[in-house]
Amino acid sequence: MDHKAEGLTDVGKKRDHNEDFLIMNPDLGLYIVCDGMGGHAAGEVASEMTASIVSKVVQKNFSHIIDFMAEPNKTNRERVKRLLEAAVQRACKDVFEAQEEDPSKKGMGTTCVLALVVEDGLFVAHVGDSRCYLYRQGQTHQITEDHSLVNEYVKQGLMSREEAQKHPQANLITRGVGLQPTVQVDTLYTEIMDGDLFLLCSDGLSEYMKDSELTKMAQTIPLKEIPDNCISLANARGGKDNITSIVIQTGDPAVEARADNVAKKVDMLKKIPLFKNFDYQEITKLLEVIEVHKWGPGQLIIEENFLGEEMYIILSGKVEVLKGDQKVADLKPGHFFGELSLIDKTPRSATIRSVSETKMMVLHRKPLFSVLKKESRVAMKLFWALLQTMSKRLRTTDEEVARLKEMMEGASHSEDKVPSYGTDLSFLDE
């Protein structure tokens, strides 16, 4: 998918030099924002070093990206993510060694957020509190998670997001490139749609800008004017830090969205009880481990009494549910089944067969658990939703058992009245 991008950086109103650095390379589809720290010009050294090293490593190893373009499967996707992580790790090592060699640069480091546009997808890698936002179909979502002290407080429920913004340590990051020889890099991949707009920015902008303001800009201002508007907004509200903004628009906003686009997948997942409390970041992480498969008319999907560990969500088409040889239901787009198999391998309680050509999202237990091990908040939400689902099913079962018991007791009570006629037949004519 084609894309276009615009970017600017500004010193702001309070600083005497700019420690932010950006790189825009449309030929590679690579865009980077780094926000340096360390003072005495060391921050700008760290940010420029990091952006330049990451760009060079990606360019040198572009064969991994070409492989993904030729065959965008899970294996090649993971290779691209590992490439981006390795590029940031290489920059981290070099920046750390540079400050070890030059005492005047001691303590320098940088945040880093990058986007790599490849065909119908976009990869993101980030360290620190520089952010990536996504504007899509009238809404703005932050799709990276700040590596900061106050964000940890928010995740633990110790303060609200509003309180975090006003906290005196709001700018204290928990991860940075070059602060140690290595750093943990967060990576993600998301499908893209015509009209998507991604914003990469330093905290000199995100500290001042509301999501709704990016939404308004995306809807009312030409792409080339958005970075300048972002900088003007931040400066008008204080401009206490350097400000950097890169906006990337994918495809053509005028093109009608496909019926099976990523927005539809997100919407379907949000309507499923297991995932209804997931935010957009968490849904994006979930989509990374979901596969899409197709079945032709009459194909068997799952078989009664056979083990399974997958959950299915219907995107298009129709399937039928069979108990033995008896059809008990038809399922259509938006319906799902097999969610309890995410807990453990259990025999299927019914047979599912496609009625027409059907496309479904398939979530396997093992890849899901690999996400849950890394994301404790996501795990807590999912397991709580599973507990609620199982509790609801138990209550429904209890109600059905109670009704059956009442019916049986009612039948038994009726039979108790019959013997006055049924045991003595002498009143009948012979």
Protein backbone atom coordinates (compact mmCIF):
# COMPACT_ATOMS: atom_id res chain seq x y z
CA MET A 1 0.00 0.00 0.00
CA ASP A 2 1.30 3.46 -0.88
CA HIS A 3 1.96 5.99 1.84
CA LYS A 4 3.08 9.58 2.28
CA ALA A 5 4.65 11.34 5.22
CA GLU A 6 5.52 14.75 6.63
CA GLY A 7 7.65 15.67 9.63
CA LEU A 8 9.11 18.59 11.59
CA THR A 9 11.12 19.19 14.75
CA ASP A 10 11.32 22.36 16.85
CA VAL A 11 13.39 23.51 19.82
CA GLY A 12 10.31 24.71 21.72
CA LYS A 13 10.00 27.80 23.94
CA LYS A 14 12.21 26.93 26.91
CA ARG A 15 15.25 24.97 25.64
CA ASP A 16 18.34 26.55 24.06
CA HIS A 17 19.09 23.57 21.81
CA ASN A 18 17.19 20.67 20.24
CA GLU A 19 17.92 17.16 21.56
CA ASP A 20 15.21 15.58 19.39
CA PHE A 21 16.18 13.98 16.09
CA LEU A 22 14.08 12.55 13.28
CA ILE A 23 14.72 10.48 10.17
CA MET A 24 12.31 10.06 7.27
CA ASN A 25 13.24 7.53 4.61
CA PRO A 26 10.27 6.87 2.27
CA ASP A 27 12.38 4.52 0.12
CA LEU A 28 12.75 2.18 3.09
CA GLY A 29 9.33 3.08 4.49
CA LEU A 30 11.21 3.91 7.71
CA TYR A 31 10.42 6.81 10.06
CA ILE A 32 12.17 7.47 13.38
CA VAL A 33 11.77 9.94 16.26
CA CYS A 34 14.33 10.08 19.07
CA ASP A 35 14.23 12.34 22.12
CA GLY A 36 17.69 12.67 23.67
CA MET A 37 18.61 13.28 27.29
CA GLY A 38 21.81 14.01 29.18
CA GLY A 39 22.51 17.70 28.78
CA HIS A 40 25.68 19.44 27.58
CA ALA A 41 24.81 18.51 23.97
CA ALA A 42 25.02 14.81 24.92
CA GLY A 43 21.29 14.23 24.45
CA GLU A 44 21.39 15.35 20.85
CA VAL A 45 24.40 13.09 20.27
CA ALA A 46 22.49 10.09 21.62
CA SER A 47 19.34 10.81 19.59
CA GLU A 48 21.18 11.36 16.31
CA MET A 49 23.42 8.32 16.86
CA THR A 50 20.43 6.11 17.60
CA ALA A 51 18.34 7.22 14.64
CA SER A 52 21.30 6.93 12.26
CA ILE A 53 22.41 3.49 13.50
CA VAL A 54 18.86 2.07 13.40
CA SER A 55 18.42 3.35 9.86
CA LYS A 56 21.72 1.84 8.71
CA VAL A 57 21.04 -1.56 10.29
CA VAL A 58 17.58 -1.74 8.70
CA GLN A 59 18.94 -0.74 5.30
CA LYS A 60 21.80 -3.25 5.50
CA ASN A 61 19.40 -6.07 6.39
CA PHE A 62 16.58 -5.07 4.06
CA SER A 63 16.50 -8.62 2.67
CA HIS A 64 14.36 -9.61 5.70
CA ILE A 65 11.81 -7.01 4.70
CA ILE A 66 11.87 -8.17 1.08
CA ASP A 67 11.17 -11.72 2.28
CA PHE A 68 8.17 -10.46 4.22
CA MET A 69 6.91 -8.53 1.20
CA ALA A 70 7.16 -11.67 -0.93
CA GLU A 71 5.54 -13.91 1.69
CA PRO A 72 3.89 -12.06 4.61
CA ASN A 73 3.59 -15.07 6.90
CA LYS A 74 4.12 -15.25 10.64
CA THR A 75 7.74 -16.45 10.38
CA ASN A 76 8.82 -13.58 8.12
CA ARG A 77 6.86 -11.09 10.21
CA GLU A 78 8.75 -12.18 13.34
CA ARG A 79 12.05 -11.81 11.48
CA VAL A 80 11.26 -8.19 10.66
CA LYS A 81 10.35 -7.54 14.30
CA ARG A 82 13.63 -9.12 15.41
CA LEU A 83 15.48 -6.96 12.88
CA LEU A 84 13.99 -3.78 14.35
CA GLU A 85 14.76 -4.95 17.87
CA ALA A 86 18.35 -5.79 16.88
CA ALA A 87 18.74 -2.36 15.24
CA VAL A 88 17.70 -0.58 18.43
CA GLN A 89 19.88 -2.91 20.52
CA ARG A 90 22.88 -2.10 18.32
CA ALA A 91 22.24 1.62 18.83
CA CYS A 92 21.89 1.07 22.57
CA LYS A 93 25.26 -0.69 22.76
CA ASP A 94 27.01 2.00 20.70
CA VAL A 95 25.54 4.92 22.64
CA PHE A 96 26.43 3.29 25.96
CA GLU A 97 30.02 2.66 24.83
CA ALA A 98 30.33 6.24 23.53
CA GLN A 99 29.51 7.70 26.92
CA GLU A 100 31.88 5.25 28.61
CA GLU A 101 34.68 6.53 26.37
CA ASP A 102 33.83 10.23 26.83
CA PRO A 103 33.15 11.31 30.45
CA SER A 104 31.53 14.55 29.23
CA LYS A 105 28.70 12.46 27.74
CA LYS A 106 28.15 10.37 30.87
CA GLY A 107 24.45 9.64 31.40
CA MET A 108 23.36 10.39 27.86
CA GLY A 109 20.55 8.36 26.34
CA THR A 110 17.45 8.68 24.24
CA THR A 111 13.95 7.46 23.66
CA CYS A 112 13.15 5.95 20.28
CA VAL A 113 9.95 5.27 18.39
CA LEU A 114 9.96 4.08 14.79
CA ALA A 115 7.49 2.96 12.15
CA LEU A 116 8.28 0.75 9.18
CA VAL A 117 5.61 0.63 6.46
CA VAL A 118 5.67 -2.67 4.53
CA GLU A 119 2.96 -3.51 1.98
CA ASP A 120 -0.36 -3.77 3.88
CA GLY A 121 1.16 -3.55 7.33
CA LEU A 122 3.15 -1.31 9.65
CA PHE A 123 5.76 -2.33 12.21
CA VAL A 124 6.43 -0.25 15.31
CA ALA A 125 9.37 -0.47 17.72
CA HIS A 126 9.84 1.79 20.71
CA VAL A 127 11.74 2.46 23.92
CA GLY A 128 10.83 5.20 26.39
CA ASP A 129 7.94 7.65 26.27
CA SER A 130 8.00 8.86 22.68
CA ARG A 131 4.74 7.65 21.19
CA CYS A 132 2.94 6.27 18.17
CA TYR A 133 -0.70 7.21 17.67
CA LEU A 134 -3.15 5.85 15.11
CA TYR A 135 -6.05 7.83 13.71
CA ARG A 136 -8.55 5.48 12.05
CA GLN A 137 -12.16 5.96 10.98
CA GLY A 138 -12.87 8.97 13.16
CA GLN A 139 -11.00 7.89 16.29
CA THR A 140 -7.46 8.32 17.66
CA HIS A 141 -5.69 5.58 19.63
CA GLN A 142 -2.30 5.51 21.34
CA ILE A 143 -0.80 2.20 20.23
CA THR A 144 2.48 2.33 22.13
CA GLU A 145 2.76 2.16 25.91
CA ASP A 146 5.02 4.62 27.73
CA HIS A 147 7.99 3.12 29.53
CA SER A 148 7.72 5.62 32.38
CA LEU A 149 7.38 5.60 36.13
CA VAL A 150 3.97 7.27 36.15
CA ASN A 151 2.61 4.84 33.56
CA GLU A 152 3.61 1.98 35.86
CA TYR A 153 1.61 3.71 38.62
CA VAL A 154 -1.37 3.97 36.27
CA LYS A 155 -1.12 0.29 35.28
CA GLN A 156 -1.07 -0.70 38.97
CA GLY A 157 -4.12 1.44 39.67
CA LEU A 158 -2.19 3.80 41.95
CA MET A 159 -3.16 6.94 40.02
CA SER A 160 -5.33 8.07 37.13
CA ARG A 161 -3.97 9.15 33.75
CA GLU A 162 -4.95 12.72 34.56
CA GLU A 163 -2.96 12.57 37.82
CA ALA A 164 -0.01 11.02 35.98
CA GLN A 165 0.18 13.96 33.56
CA LYS A 166 0.55 16.40 36.47
CA HIS A 167 2.97 14.27 38.50
CA PRO A 168 6.39 15.94 39.14
CA GLN A 169 8.14 12.80 37.81
CA ALA A 170 5.98 12.53 34.69
CA ASN A 171 9.06 12.63 32.43
CA LEU A 172 11.03 9.97 34.31
CA ILE A 173 11.42 7.00 31.95
CA THR A 174 12.05 3.41 32.98
CA ARG A 175 13.74 2.40 29.71
CA GLY A 176 16.09 4.33 27.48
CA VAL A 177 18.51 3.65 24.63
CA GLY A 178 22.12 3.90 25.84
CA LEU A 179 21.45 4.07 29.57
CA GLN A 180 22.59 0.44 29.88
CA PRO A 181 24.42 -1.84 27.39
CA THR A 182 21.08 -3.44 26.42
CA VAL A 183 17.42 -2.45 26.60
CA GLN A 184 14.07 -4.18 26.26
CA VAL A 185 12.43 -3.12 22.98
CA ASP A 186 8.68 -3.32 22.44
CA THR A 187 7.64 -4.26 18.91
CA LEU A 188 4.28 -4.71 17.29
CA TYR A 189 2.76 -5.24 13.87
CA THR A 190 -0.60 -3.98 12.67
CA GLU A 191 -2.48 -4.28 9.43
CA ILE A 192 -3.16 -0.93 7.79
CA MET A 193 -6.14 0.48 5.93
CA ASP A 194 -6.66 3.16 3.35
CA GLY A 195 -6.85 6.46 5.21
CA ASP A 196 -5.00 5.40 8.35
CA LEU A 197 -2.87 8.17 9.83
CA PHE A 198 0.01 7.41 12.19
CA LEU A 199 1.72 10.04 14.34
CA LEU A 200 5.20 9.53 15.80
CA CYS A 201 6.11 12.18 18.36
CA SER A 202 8.29 13.09 21.31
CA ASP A 203 6.76 13.91 24.68
CA GLY A 204 7.22 17.59 23.90
CA LEU A 205 4.02 17.18 21.88
CA SER A 206 2.16 14.35 23.63
CA GLU A 207 2.34 16.20 26.97
CA TYR A 208 0.12 18.92 25.53
CA MET A 209 -2.02 17.26 22.87
CA LYS A 210 -5.33 15.47 23.46
CA ASP A 211 -6.38 12.52 21.31
CA SER A 212 -9.42 14.49 20.15
CA GLU A 213 -7.16 17.25 18.82
CA LEU A 214 -5.26 14.84 16.59
CA THR A 215 -8.63 13.50 15.41
CA LYS A 216 -9.73 17.02 14.47
CA MET A 217 -6.47 17.72 12.63
CA ALA A 218 -6.68 14.44 10.72
CA GLN A 219 -10.21 15.29 9.62
CA THR A 220 -9.76 18.97 8.74
CA ILE A 221 -6.12 19.73 7.84
CA PRO A 222 -4.03 18.56 4.84
CA LEU A 223 -1.33 16.06 5.81
CA LYS A 224 1.53 18.42 5.04
CA GLU A 225 0.20 20.98 7.55
CA ILE A 226 -0.29 18.62 10.50
CA PRO A 227 3.31 18.59 11.86
CA ASP A 228 3.44 22.40 11.90
CA ASN A 229 0.05 22.54 13.61
CA CYS A 230 1.27 20.05 16.22
CA ILE A 231 4.31 22.17 16.97
CA SER A 232 2.26 25.38 17.13
CA LEU A 233 -0.17 23.70 19.56
CA ALA A 234 2.65 22.57 21.90
CA ASN A 235 4.39 25.96 21.81
CA ALA A 236 1.14 27.81 22.46
CA ARG A 237 0.67 25.74 25.63
CA GLY A 238 4.14 26.29 27.01
CA GLY A 239 6.61 24.52 24.72
CA LYS A 240 8.78 23.55 27.67
CA ASP A 241 10.49 20.74 25.73
CA ASN A 242 11.69 20.03 22.21
CA ILE A 243 8.84 19.05 19.89
CA THR A 244 8.97 16.50 17.06
CA SER A 245 6.15 15.21 14.90
CA ILE A 246 6.04 12.78 11.94
CA VAL A 247 2.70 11.91 10.34
CA ILE A 248 2.28 8.98 7.94
CA GLN A 249 -0.86 8.45 5.88
CA THR A 250 -1.42 5.06 4.26
CA GLY A 251 -3.37 4.45 1.06
CA ASP A 252 -6.23 6.63 -0.14
CA PRO A 253 -8.79 7.94 2.40
CA ALA A 254 -11.41 7.98 -0.35
CA VAL A 255 -11.19 4.22 -0.96
CA GLU A 256 -14.05 2.22 0.55
CA ALA A 257 -12.87 -0.15 3.28
CA ARG A 258 -12.89 -3.89 2.59
CA ALA A 259 -15.47 -5.99 4.39
CA ASP A 260 -12.77 -7.94 6.24
CA ASN A 261 -10.52 -5.02 7.14
CA VAL A 262 -8.68 -4.69 10.40
CA ALA A 263 -11.24 -2.21 11.79
CA LYS A 264 -13.94 -4.85 11.43
CA LYS A 265 -11.75 -7.38 13.24
CA VAL A 266 -11.20 -4.92 16.10
CA ASP A 267 -14.91 -4.17 16.30
CA MET A 268 -15.82 -7.88 16.43
CA LEU A 269 -13.25 -8.61 19.13
CA LYS A 270 -14.50 -5.71 21.26
CA LYS A 271 -18.03 -7.17 21.16
CA ILE A 272 -16.92 -10.57 22.46
CA PRO A 273 -17.33 -10.83 26.26
CA LEU A 274 -13.76 -12.15 26.69
CA PHE A 275 -12.25 -9.01 25.15
CA LYS A 276 -14.81 -6.29 25.83
CA ASN A 277 -12.56 -4.58 28.43
CA PHE A 278 -9.44 -4.59 26.24
CA ASP A 279 -8.23 -1.16 25.11
CA TYR A 280 -6.97 -0.51 21.58
CA GLN A 281 -3.34 -1.27 22.48
CA GLU A 282 -4.35 -4.63 23.92
CA ILE A 283 -6.59 -5.52 20.97
CA THR A 284 -3.66 -4.70 18.64
CA LYS A 285 -1.43 -7.10 20.58
CA LEU A 286 -4.14 -9.75 20.41
CA LEU A 287 -4.49 -9.35 16.65
CA GLU A 288 -0.80 -10.17 16.26
CA VAL A 289 -1.45 -13.77 17.34
CA ILE A 290 -4.73 -14.22 15.48
CA GLU A 291 -4.74 -15.99 12.13
CA VAL A 292 -7.37 -15.72 9.40
CA HIS A 293 -8.46 -18.93 7.64
CA LYS A 294 -10.99 -19.79 4.94
CA TRP A 295 -13.29 -22.81 4.55
CA GLY A 296 -15.24 -23.83 1.48
CA PRO A 297 -18.92 -24.89 1.58
CA GLY A 298 -19.45 -28.14 3.49
CA GLN A 299 -15.96 -28.28 5.01
CA LEU A 300 -15.50 -29.65 8.52
CA ILE A 301 -14.11 -27.07 10.97
CA ILE A 302 -14.25 -28.91 14.30
CA GLU A 303 -15.60 -32.36 15.18
CA GLU A 304 -17.59 -33.39 18.23
CA ASN A 305 -15.61 -35.22 20.96
CA PHE A 306 -12.24 -34.39 19.34
CA LEU A 307 -9.69 -32.32 21.25
CA GLY A 308 -9.14 -28.68 20.34
CA GLU A 309 -7.39 -25.57 21.63
CA GLU A 310 -8.63 -22.85 19.26
CA MET A 311 -11.27 -20.17 19.44
CA TYR A 312 -13.05 -19.12 16.23
CA ILE A 313 -14.69 -15.79 15.31
CA ILE A 314 -16.70 -15.63 12.07
CA LEU A 315 -15.78 -12.74 9.76
CA SER A 316 -17.94 -13.74 6.79
CA GLY A 317 -20.08 -16.66 5.65
CA LYS A 318 -22.14 -19.09 7.74
CA VAL A 319 -21.55 -22.32 9.68
CA GLU A 320 -23.89 -24.92 11.15
CA VAL A 321 -23.69 -26.54 14.59
CA LEU A 322 -24.44 -30.27 14.83
CA LYS A 323 -24.98 -32.50 17.87
CA GLY A 324 -24.67 -36.01 16.55
CA ASP A 325 -26.65 -35.94 13.30
CA GLN A 326 -29.01 -33.20 14.45
CA LYS A 327 -28.53 -29.57 13.45
CA VAL A 328 -29.00 -27.29 16.45
CA ALA A 329 -27.96 -23.81 15.20
CA ASP A 330 -26.59 -21.62 12.44
CA LEU A 331 -23.80 -19.13 13.22
CA LYS A 332 -23.13 -15.97 11.20
CA PRO A 333 -20.57 -13.10 11.16
CA GLY A 334 -19.84 -11.86 14.65
CA HIS A 335 -20.61 -15.21 16.28
CA PHE A 336 -17.79 -17.13 17.98
CA PHE A 337 -17.19 -20.56 19.46
CA GLY A 338 -14.50 -22.62 21.22
CA GLU A 339 -13.48 -19.96 23.75
CA LEU A 340 -13.21 -22.39 26.67
CA SER A 341 -10.60 -24.37 24.71
CA LEU A 342 -8.26 -21.45 25.36
CA ILE A 343 -8.02 -22.69 28.95
CA ASP A 344 -6.99 -26.24 28.10
CA LYS A 345 -7.46 -28.94 25.48
CA THR A 346 -11.00 -30.20 25.85
CA PRO A 347 -13.17 -32.43 23.65
CA ARG A 348 -15.44 -30.39 21.41
CA SER A 349 -19.09 -30.48 22.46
CA ALA A 350 -20.40 -30.21 18.89
CA THR A 351 -19.46 -30.49 15.25
CA ILE A 352 -19.10 -27.25 13.24
CA ARG A 353 -19.32 -27.31 9.45
CA SER A 354 -19.25 -24.44 6.95
CA VAL A 355 -22.49 -23.85 5.05
CA SER A 356 -21.05 -21.33 2.59
CA GLU A 357 -17.56 -20.00 1.89
CA THR A 358 -16.50 -18.82 5.33
CA LYS A 359 -13.66 -16.69 6.67
CA MET A 360 -12.80 -16.75 10.37
CA MET A 361 -10.30 -15.38 12.84
CA VAL A 362 -8.61 -18.23 14.71
CA LEU A 363 -6.96 -17.73 18.10
CA HIS A 364 -4.69 -20.57 19.27
CA ARG A 365 -4.04 -21.16 22.95
CA LYS A 366 -0.21 -21.30 22.88
CA PRO A 367 0.39 -18.01 21.01
CA LEU A 368 -2.19 -16.34 23.23
CA PHE A 369 -0.39 -17.55 26.36
CA SER A 370 2.91 -16.19 25.02
CA VAL A 371 1.27 -12.75 24.96
CA LEU A 372 -0.24 -13.20 28.41
CA LYS A 373 3.17 -14.07 29.90
CA LYS A 374 4.50 -10.70 28.74
CA GLU A 375 1.36 -8.67 29.45
CA SER A 376 0.12 -9.23 32.98
CA ARG A 377 -2.61 -6.61 32.65
CA VAL A 378 -3.99 -8.34 29.54
CA ALA A 379 -3.82 -11.71 31.31
CA MET A 380 -5.75 -10.37 34.29
CA LYS A 381 -8.49 -8.93 32.06
CA LEU A 382 -8.79 -12.14 30.05
CA PHE A 383 -8.87 -14.50 33.00
CA TRP A 384 -11.41 -12.32 34.80
CA ALA A 385 -13.60 -12.36 31.66
CA LEU A 386 -13.21 -16.15 31.42
CA LEU A 387 -14.26 -16.47 35.06
CA GLN A 388 -17.34 -14.34 34.39
CA THR A 389 -18.18 -16.42 31.30
CA MET A 390 -17.87 -19.68 33.19
CA SER A 391 -19.88 -18.29 36.12
CA LYS A 392 -22.65 -17.23 33.75
CA ARG A 393 -22.71 -20.67 32.15
CA LEU A 394 -22.87 -22.36 35.55
CA ARG A 395 -25.78 -20.14 36.58
CA THR A 396 -27.56 -20.98 33.33
CA THR A 397 -26.93 -24.68 33.91
CA ASP A 398 -28.20 -24.42 37.51
CA GLU A 399 -31.36 -22.69 36.29
CA GLU A 400 -31.94 -25.41 33.69
CA VAL A 401 -31.39 -28.14 36.31
CA ALA A 402 -33.83 -26.39 38.66
CA ARG A 403 -36.46 -26.20 35.92
CA LEU A 404 -35.99 -29.88 35.09
CA LYS A 405 -36.28 -30.75 38.78
CA GLU A 406 -39.51 -28.77 39.04
CA MET A 407 -40.88 -30.53 35.97
CA MET A 408 -39.97 -33.95 37.38
CA GLU A 409 -41.43 -33.11 40.78
CA GLY A 410 -44.57 -31.83 39.10
CA ALA A 411 -44.89 -35.01 37.08
CA SER A 412 -44.29 -37.10 40.21
CA HIS A 413 -46.93 -35.13 42.10
CA SER A 414 -49.46 -35.74 39.33
CA GLU A 415 -48.71 -39.45 39.38
CA ASP A 416 -49.36 -39.51 43.14
CA LYS A 417 -53.00 -38.58 42.45
CA VAL A 418 -53.53 -41.26 39.80
CA PRO A 419 -53.58 -44.39 42.02
CA SER A 420 -57.15 -43.70 43.28
CA TYR A 421 -58.17 -44.56 39.76
CA GLY A 422 -55.25 -46.45 38.35
CA THR A 423 -54.76 -49.06 41.08
CA ASP A 424 -58.43 -49.94 41.50
CA LEU A 425 -60.08 -50.68 38.18
CA SER A 426 -63.36 -52.08 39.63
CA PHE A 427 -65.30 -48.97 38.65
CA LEU A 428 -64.68 -49.70 34.96
CA ASP A 429 -67.13 -51.60 32.88
CA GLU A 430 -65.86 -55.01 31.85
